[in-house]
Amino acid sequence: MFHNNDLISQWKRTNRGFQDKAAAVGSGVVILAALLVPLCFNPWGYSAFELPKVLLLRIIAALALTAILSIYPDWLTGIGQRLKRNPWLGPLLAYSSALFLATLLSPNRFLSFWGLYERQQGLLTQLTYVVIFLAAVVTQQGIAGQRR
């Protein structure tokens, strides 16, 4: 009879190739964001630069978050230990908390969440930047850990 820890360890052993592929996808998503987002624009739209870039960045962030959660399905369980080991997670968590607090205390929460139509720089876009940065940190740590 298997215990829960036995199933998890067996899953980790059998899905190591999947995790390597997901790490490669996460790394590719970060590179894709760096290369494609500056080139994305719509010359016929009202907001020629901001809206297409924000939309593409949100899609890339969703892919990156999916890759992170597929690489490390139990990533949130040991968050205290990860905060000690990774110097980037503490400031990132503080920044995200400040963004949430600013949105909650804003006189116009809708505007604070979505941002102005012309710029789209609300909470959702700011958290997109956080996810892209987190994907870069996590995939680079995974690559560095595989080299050791």
C-alpha atoms as a PDB file:
ATOM      1  CA  MET A   1       0.000   0.000   0.000  1.00  0.00           C
ATOM      2  CA  PHE A   2       1.372   3.392  -1.015  1.00  0.00           C
ATOM      3  CA  HIS A   3       1.513   6.368   1.261  1.00  0.00           C
ATOM      4  CA  ASN A   4       1.095   9.885  -0.039  1.00  0.00           C
ATOM      5  CA  ASN A   5       4.857  10.567   0.133  1.00  0.00           C
ATOM      6  CA  ASP A   6       5.566   7.388  -1.842  1.00  0.00           C
ATOM      7  CA  LEU A   7       3.217   8.508  -4.596  1.00  0.00           C
ATOM      8  CA  ILE A   8       4.792  11.953  -4.738  1.00  0.00           C
ATOM      9  CA  SER A   9       8.333  10.575  -4.899  1.00  0.00           C
ATOM     10  CA  GLN A  10       7.285   8.064  -7.567  1.00  0.00           C
ATOM     11  CA  TRP A  11       5.641  10.852  -9.578  1.00  0.00           C
ATOM     12  CA  LYS A  12       8.802  12.969  -9.328  1.00  0.00           C
ATOM     13  CA  ARG A  13      10.973  10.093 -10.556  1.00  0.00           C
ATOM     14  CA  THR A  14       8.744   9.253 -13.513  1.00  0.00           C
ATOM     15  CA  ASN A  15       8.092  12.849 -14.550  1.00  0.00           C
ATOM     16  CA  ARG A  16      11.664  14.128 -14.447  1.00  0.00           C
ATOM     17  CA  GLY A  17      11.737  14.348 -18.245  1.00  0.00           C
ATOM     18  CA  PHE A  18       8.497  16.298 -18.176  1.00  0.00           C
ATOM     19  CA  GLN A  19       9.950  18.707 -15.623  1.00  0.00           C
ATOM     20  CA  ASP A  20      13.029  19.237 -17.789  1.00  0.00           C
ATOM     21  CA  LYS A  21      10.820  19.976 -20.780  1.00  0.00           C
ATOM     22  CA  ALA A  22       8.668  22.347 -18.725  1.00  0.00           C
ATOM     23  CA  ALA A  23      11.816  24.157 -17.514  1.00  0.00           C
ATOM     24  CA  ALA A  24      12.907  24.554 -21.118  1.00  0.00           C
ATOM     25  CA  VAL A  25       9.453  25.894 -21.999  1.00  0.00           C
ATOM     26  CA  GLY A  26       9.621  28.348 -19.082  1.00  0.00           C
ATOM     27  CA  SER A  27      13.021  29.563 -20.204  1.00  0.00           C
ATOM     28  CA  GLY A  28      11.771  29.872 -23.768  1.00  0.00           C
ATOM     29  CA  VAL A  29       8.743  31.859 -22.613  1.00  0.00           C
ATOM     30  CA  VAL A  30      10.983  34.394 -20.882  1.00  0.00           C
ATOM     31  CA  ILE A  31      13.113  34.754 -24.007  1.00  0.00           C
ATOM     32  CA  LEU A  32       9.948  35.022 -26.103  1.00  0.00           C
ATOM     33  CA  ALA A  33       8.706  37.852 -23.906  1.00  0.00           C
ATOM     34  CA  ALA A  34      11.988  39.706 -24.239  1.00  0.00           C
ATOM     35  CA  LEU A  35      12.037  39.396 -28.020  1.00  0.00           C
ATOM     36  CA  LEU A  36       8.410  39.675 -29.134  1.00  0.00           C
ATOM     37  CA  VAL A  37       6.853  42.232 -26.804  1.00  0.00           C
ATOM     38  CA  PRO A  38       8.934  45.208 -28.036  1.00  0.00           C
ATOM     39  CA  LEU A  39       8.084  44.320 -31.641  1.00  0.00           C
ATOM     40  CA  CYS A  40       4.335  44.033 -31.097  1.00  0.00           C
ATOM     41  CA  PHE A  41       2.222  46.993 -32.196  1.00  0.00           C
ATOM     42  CA  ASN A  42      -0.974  47.743 -34.086  1.00  0.00           C
ATOM     43  CA  PRO A  43      -0.596  50.817 -36.342  1.00  0.00           C
ATOM     44  CA  TRP A  44      -4.353  50.970 -37.053  1.00  0.00           C
ATOM     45  CA  GLY A  45      -5.546  51.007 -33.445  1.00  0.00           C
ATOM     46  CA  TYR A  46      -6.230  53.881 -31.075  1.00  0.00           C
ATOM     47  CA  SER A  47      -3.471  52.741 -28.759  1.00  0.00           C
ATOM     48  CA  ALA A  48      -0.918  51.524 -31.274  1.00  0.00           C
ATOM     49  CA  PHE A  49       1.693  50.315 -28.807  1.00  0.00           C
ATOM     50  CA  GLU A  50       0.331  49.734 -25.313  1.00  0.00           C
ATOM     51  CA  LEU A  51      -2.709  47.498 -25.784  1.00  0.00           C
ATOM     52  CA  PRO A  52      -1.134  44.872 -28.102  1.00  0.00           C
ATOM     53  CA  LYS A  53       1.995  44.691 -25.951  1.00  0.00           C
ATOM     54  CA  VAL A  54       0.031  44.313 -22.735  1.00  0.00           C
ATOM     55  CA  LEU A  55      -2.177  41.621 -24.245  1.00  0.00           C
ATOM     56  CA  LEU A  56       0.805  39.664 -25.556  1.00  0.00           C
ATOM     57  CA  LEU A  57       2.615  40.046 -22.243  1.00  0.00           C
ATOM     58  CA  ARG A  58      -0.414  38.734 -20.317  1.00  0.00           C
ATOM     59  CA  ILE A  59      -0.610  35.693 -22.581  1.00  0.00           C
ATOM     60  CA  ILE A  60       3.107  35.033 -22.140  1.00  0.00           C
ATOM     61  CA  ALA A  61       2.778  35.449 -18.367  1.00  0.00           C
ATOM     62  CA  ALA A  62      -0.049  32.905 -18.304  1.00  0.00           C
ATOM     63  CA  LEU A  63       2.176  30.455 -20.196  1.00  0.00           C
ATOM     64  CA  ALA A  64       5.044  31.156 -17.810  1.00  0.00           C
ATOM     65  CA  LEU A  65       2.865  30.632 -14.739  1.00  0.00           C
ATOM     66  CA  THR A  66       1.599  27.365 -16.188  1.00  0.00           C
ATOM     67  CA  ALA A  67       5.184  26.248 -16.809  1.00  0.00           C
ATOM     68  CA  ILE A  68       6.238  27.181 -13.257  1.00  0.00           C
ATOM     69  CA  LEU A  69       3.341  25.318 -11.678  1.00  0.00           C
ATOM     70  CA  SER A  70       3.943  22.267 -13.865  1.00  0.00           C
ATOM     71  CA  ILE A  71       7.646  22.202 -13.005  1.00  0.00           C
ATOM     72  CA  TYR A  72       7.057  22.659  -9.284  1.00  0.00           C
ATOM     73  CA  PRO A  73       3.521  21.555  -8.372  1.00  0.00           C
ATOM     74  CA  ASP A  74       4.295  21.833  -4.657  1.00  0.00           C
ATOM     75  CA  TRP A  75       6.083  25.191  -4.967  1.00  0.00           C
ATOM     76  CA  LEU A  76       3.830  27.113  -2.589  1.00  0.00           C
ATOM     77  CA  THR A  77       4.028  24.579   0.242  1.00  0.00           C
ATOM     78  CA  GLY A  78       7.596  25.400   1.298  1.00  0.00           C
ATOM     79  CA  ILE A  79       7.433  29.150   0.711  1.00  0.00           C
ATOM     80  CA  GLY A  80       9.152  29.983   4.010  1.00  0.00           C
ATOM     81  CA  GLN A  81      12.230  27.954   3.102  1.00  0.00           C
ATOM     82  CA  ARG A  82      12.247  29.382  -0.410  1.00  0.00           C
ATOM     83  CA  LEU A  83      12.209  32.929   0.970  1.00  0.00           C
ATOM     84  CA  LYS A  84      15.367  32.135   2.938  1.00  0.00           C
ATOM     85  CA  ARG A  85      17.172  30.539  -0.003  1.00  0.00           C
ATOM     86  CA  ASN A  86      16.198  32.968  -2.748  1.00  0.00           C
ATOM     87  CA  PRO A  87      17.037  36.647  -2.213  1.00  0.00           C
ATOM     88  CA  TRP A  88      14.575  37.742  -4.929  1.00  0.00           C
ATOM     89  CA  LEU A  89      11.389  36.307  -3.449  1.00  0.00           C
ATOM     90  CA  GLY A  90      11.219  38.554  -0.363  1.00  0.00           C
ATOM     91  CA  PRO A  91      11.294  41.867  -2.266  1.00  0.00           C
ATOM     92  CA  LEU A  92       9.012  40.389  -4.925  1.00  0.00           C
ATOM     93  CA  LEU A  93       6.472  39.395  -2.279  1.00  0.00           C
ATOM     94  CA  ALA A  94       6.724  42.841  -0.646  1.00  0.00           C
ATOM     95  CA  TYR A  95       6.220  44.556  -4.010  1.00  0.00           C
ATOM     96  CA  SER A  96       3.202  42.386  -4.837  1.00  0.00           C
ATOM     97  CA  SER A  97       1.716  43.049  -1.402  1.00  0.00           C
ATOM     98  CA  ALA A  98       2.182  46.799  -1.872  1.00  0.00           C
ATOM     99  CA  LEU A  99       0.412  46.567  -5.247  1.00  0.00           C
ATOM    100  CA  PHE A 100      -2.543  44.723  -3.700  1.00  0.00           C
ATOM    101  CA  LEU A 101      -2.718  47.176  -0.808  1.00  0.00           C
ATOM    102  CA  ALA A 102      -2.600  50.172  -3.159  1.00  0.00           C
ATOM    103  CA  THR A 103      -5.419  48.687  -5.221  1.00  0.00           C
ATOM    104  CA  LEU A 104      -7.552  47.973  -2.157  1.00  0.00           C
ATOM    105  CA  LEU A 105      -7.067  51.477  -0.767  1.00  0.00           C
ATOM    106  CA  SER A 106      -7.561  53.203  -4.103  1.00  0.00           C
ATOM    107  CA  PRO A 107     -10.552  55.526  -4.480  1.00  0.00           C
ATOM    108  CA  ASN A 108     -11.290  53.902  -7.867  1.00  0.00           C
ATOM    109  CA  ARG A 109     -10.518  50.193  -7.527  1.00  0.00           C
ATOM    110  CA  PHE A 110     -11.666  49.377 -11.041  1.00  0.00           C
ATOM    111  CA  LEU A 111      -9.243  51.881 -12.534  1.00  0.00           C
ATOM    112  CA  SER A 112      -6.509  50.736 -10.190  1.00  0.00           C
ATOM    113  CA  PHE A 113      -7.030  47.107 -11.196  1.00  0.00           C
ATOM    114  CA  TRP A 114      -7.234  47.585 -14.986  1.00  0.00           C
ATOM    115  CA  GLY A 115      -5.414  50.893 -15.483  1.00  0.00           C
ATOM    116  CA  LEU A 116      -6.298  53.654 -17.914  1.00  0.00           C
ATOM    117  CA  TYR A 117      -7.479  52.581 -21.360  1.00  0.00           C
ATOM    118  CA  GLU A 118      -4.571  54.325 -23.051  1.00  0.00           C
ATOM    119  CA  ARG A 119      -1.857  52.730 -20.894  1.00  0.00           C
ATOM    120  CA  GLN A 120      -3.303  49.533 -19.346  1.00  0.00           C
ATOM    121  CA  GLN A 121      -0.862  49.798 -16.435  1.00  0.00           C
ATOM    122  CA  GLY A 122      -3.050  48.659 -13.546  1.00  0.00           C
ATOM    123  CA  LEU A 123      -2.586  45.908 -10.970  1.00  0.00           C
ATOM    124  CA  LEU A 124      -3.138  43.162 -13.521  1.00  0.00           C
ATOM    125  CA  THR A 125      -0.303  44.379 -15.744  1.00  0.00           C
ATOM    126  CA  GLN A 126       2.018  44.997 -12.811  1.00  0.00           C
ATOM    127  CA  LEU A 127       1.425  41.437 -11.583  1.00  0.00           C
ATOM    128  CA  THR A 128       2.145  40.255 -15.112  1.00  0.00           C
ATOM    129  CA  TYR A 129       5.598  41.799 -14.800  1.00  0.00           C
ATOM    130  CA  VAL A 130       6.021  40.019 -11.470  1.00  0.00           C
ATOM    131  CA  VAL A 131       5.105  36.654 -13.045  1.00  0.00           C
ATOM    132  CA  ILE A 132       7.547  37.156 -15.930  1.00  0.00           C
ATOM    133  CA  PHE A 133      10.309  38.039 -13.461  1.00  0.00           C
ATOM    134  CA  LEU A 134       9.423  35.048 -11.288  1.00  0.00           C
ATOM    135  CA  ALA A 135       9.558  32.784 -14.339  1.00  0.00           C
ATOM    136  CA  ALA A 136      13.009  34.109 -15.196  1.00  0.00           C
ATOM    137  CA  VAL A 137      14.280  33.523 -11.656  1.00  0.00           C
ATOM    138  CA  VAL A 138      12.755  30.061 -11.274  1.00  0.00           C
ATOM    139  CA  THR A 139      13.883  28.756 -14.660  1.00  0.00           C
ATOM    140  CA  GLN A 140      17.400  30.106 -14.211  1.00  0.00           C
ATOM    141  CA  GLN A 141      17.614  28.494 -10.785  1.00  0.00           C
ATOM    142  CA  GLY A 142      16.386  25.229 -12.304  1.00  0.00           C
ATOM    143  CA  ILE A 143      19.045  25.416 -15.015  1.00  0.00           C
ATOM    144  CA  ALA A 144      21.736  26.253 -12.448  1.00  0.00           C
ATOM    145  CA  GLY A 145      20.556  23.390 -10.226  1.00  0.00           C
ATOM    146  CA  GLN A 146      20.777  20.937 -13.121  1.00  0.00           C
ATOM    147  CA  ARG A 147      24.366  22.007 -13.845  1.00  0.00           C
ATOM    148  CA  ARG A 148      25.451  21.223 -10.284  1.00  0.00           C
END
